Amino acid sequence: MSRILWIITLMFALSGIARAEPEAATGEGRELFIARCSSCHSLDYIEMHARFGTRALWESQVTKMRNAYKAPMSDEDAKAIVDYLVRQYGPGRNAIGQRTTPSNSISKTSVAPGLIAGGAPRSP
């Protein structure tokens, strides 16, 4: 019985080693973001919103954290955090802040069968 318990304990210990916690993207505002946001949120929460992370979304999220949950940050801190989130986790960025879409505003990549970005029908 103790051997089974030892194996289970070892499996749990090794499972933590196998998956390292992701780190916040580098850039201006990173340290402030870590200090003000990571005490309550894992980076997974931020990455989950990143695909839709427009300035309006990040502003609403930071405002909600300040008003509803009393997150301790000044107006200047909030603006700097929103700026960081838009730059590093806005649309067209991956989890480490690298651009994943072309720099022009409309990509010609397929977004749904028969459509291209911007909603124009694609010719067969």
Protein backbone atom coordinates (compact mmCIF):
# COMPACT_ATOMS: atom_id res chain seq x y z
CA MET A 1 0.00 0.00 0.00
CA SER A 2 2.79 2.44 0.85
CA ARG A 3 4.40 1.74 -2.54
CA ILE A 4 1.22 2.81 -4.34
CA LEU A 5 1.05 5.96 -2.22
CA TRP A 6 4.70 6.71 -3.02
CA ILE A 7 4.06 6.28 -6.78
CA ILE A 8 1.00 8.55 -6.67
CA THR A 9 2.95 11.19 -4.75
CA LEU A 10 5.78 11.00 -7.27
CA MET A 11 3.34 11.36 -10.18
CA PHE A 12 1.84 14.52 -8.67
CA ALA A 13 5.27 15.96 -7.99
CA LEU A 14 6.45 15.32 -11.55
CA SER A 15 3.26 16.69 -13.10
CA GLY A 16 4.13 20.14 -11.73
CA ILE A 17 7.57 19.98 -13.30
CA ALA A 18 6.26 19.01 -16.73
CA ARG A 19 4.12 22.14 -17.17
CA ALA A 20 5.93 25.35 -16.41
CA GLU A 21 3.80 28.40 -15.65
CA PRO A 22 3.84 30.80 -18.63
CA GLU A 23 5.46 34.18 -18.13
CA ALA A 24 4.01 37.56 -18.98
CA ALA A 25 5.15 39.01 -22.28
CA THR A 26 8.07 41.40 -22.05
CA GLY A 27 7.50 45.07 -22.69
CA GLU A 28 6.84 48.39 -21.02
CA GLY A 29 4.32 47.90 -18.22
CA ARG A 30 5.12 44.24 -17.55
CA GLU A 31 6.33 44.74 -13.98
CA LEU A 32 3.31 46.88 -13.12
CA PHE A 33 1.00 44.28 -14.65
CA ILE A 34 2.66 41.53 -12.60
CA ALA A 35 2.49 43.58 -9.40
CA ARG A 36 -1.15 44.64 -9.77
CA CYS A 37 -2.80 41.74 -11.61
CA SER A 38 -0.97 38.46 -11.05
CA SER A 39 -1.82 38.24 -7.36
CA CYS A 40 -5.38 37.32 -8.44
CA HIS A 41 -5.00 36.16 -12.05
CA SER A 42 -2.87 33.57 -13.75
CA LEU A 43 -1.57 34.40 -17.18
CA ASP A 44 -4.08 31.87 -18.54
CA TYR A 45 -6.86 34.37 -17.77
CA ILE A 46 -5.12 37.05 -19.80
CA GLU A 47 -4.33 34.71 -22.68
CA MET A 48 -7.95 33.55 -22.75
CA HIS A 49 -9.05 37.14 -23.49
CA ALA A 50 -6.12 38.01 -25.76
CA ARG A 51 -7.78 36.96 -29.00
CA PHE A 52 -10.52 39.52 -28.37
CA GLY A 53 -8.31 41.95 -26.44
CA THR A 54 -9.26 45.25 -28.00
CA ARG A 55 -8.56 48.43 -26.04
CA ALA A 56 -12.26 48.60 -25.12
CA LEU A 57 -12.20 45.07 -23.68
CA TRP A 58 -9.03 45.65 -21.66
CA GLU A 59 -10.32 48.99 -20.38
CA SER A 60 -13.59 47.40 -19.29
CA GLN A 61 -11.77 44.53 -17.57
CA VAL A 62 -9.39 46.82 -15.69
CA THR A 63 -12.28 49.12 -14.71
CA LYS A 64 -14.27 46.13 -13.46
CA MET A 65 -11.32 44.94 -11.38
CA ARG A 66 -10.91 48.40 -9.85
CA ASN A 67 -14.60 49.09 -9.17
CA ALA A 68 -16.11 45.70 -8.37
CA TYR A 69 -13.10 43.99 -6.80
CA LYS A 70 -11.21 47.04 -5.48
CA ALA A 71 -7.98 46.19 -7.28
CA PRO A 72 -5.33 48.53 -5.81
CA MET A 73 -4.19 50.76 -8.65
CA SER A 74 -4.18 54.44 -9.49
CA ASP A 75 -5.63 55.94 -12.66
CA GLU A 76 -2.09 56.14 -14.06
CA ASP A 77 -1.42 52.48 -13.21
CA ALA A 78 -4.69 51.44 -14.86
CA LYS A 79 -3.82 53.32 -18.06
CA ALA A 80 -0.32 51.81 -18.14
CA ILE A 81 -1.71 48.30 -17.60
CA VAL A 82 -4.30 48.74 -20.36
CA ASP A 83 -1.59 50.04 -22.71
CA TYR A 84 0.58 47.00 -21.88
CA LEU A 85 -2.32 44.57 -22.43
CA VAL A 86 -3.24 46.15 -25.77
CA ARG A 87 0.38 46.06 -26.99
CA GLN A 88 1.22 42.59 -25.75
CA TYR A 89 -2.14 40.76 -25.76
CA GLY A 90 -4.24 42.64 -28.30
CA PRO A 91 -5.74 41.13 -31.44
CA GLY A 92 -3.15 39.75 -33.80
CA ARG A 93 -0.69 38.92 -31.00
CA ASN A 94 0.22 35.52 -29.64
CA ALA A 95 0.78 34.63 -25.99
CA ILE A 96 4.25 36.19 -25.93
CA GLY A 97 3.33 39.41 -27.70
CA GLN A 98 4.47 38.55 -31.21
CA ARG A 99 2.33 39.72 -34.15
CA THR A 100 0.50 36.79 -35.73
CA THR A 101 -1.37 38.67 -38.47
CA PRO A 102 -0.09 40.99 -41.17
CA SER A 103 0.32 44.60 -40.13
CA ASN A 104 -2.35 45.79 -42.56
CA SER A 105 -5.85 45.97 -41.13
CA ILE A 106 -7.52 43.30 -43.27
CA SER A 107 -5.91 39.97 -43.90
CA LYS A 108 -6.86 37.83 -46.89
CA THR A 109 -6.74 34.62 -44.89
CA SER A 110 -9.85 32.49 -44.75
CA VAL A 111 -11.99 33.06 -41.67
CA ALA A 112 -14.90 30.79 -42.62
CA PRO A 113 -15.73 28.60 -45.59
CA GLY A 114 -16.52 30.88 -48.51
CA LEU A 115 -15.44 34.10 -46.78
CA ILE A 116 -12.31 36.15 -46.43
CA ALA A 117 -11.57 38.59 -43.62
CA GLY A 118 -13.83 41.59 -43.94
CA GLY A 119 -16.81 39.41 -44.88
CA ALA A 120 -16.42 39.50 -48.68
CA PRO A 121 -17.41 36.28 -50.48
CA ARG A 122 -14.50 34.30 -51.86
CA SER A 123 -14.77 33.17 -55.47
CA PRO A 124 -14.85 29.37 -55.94
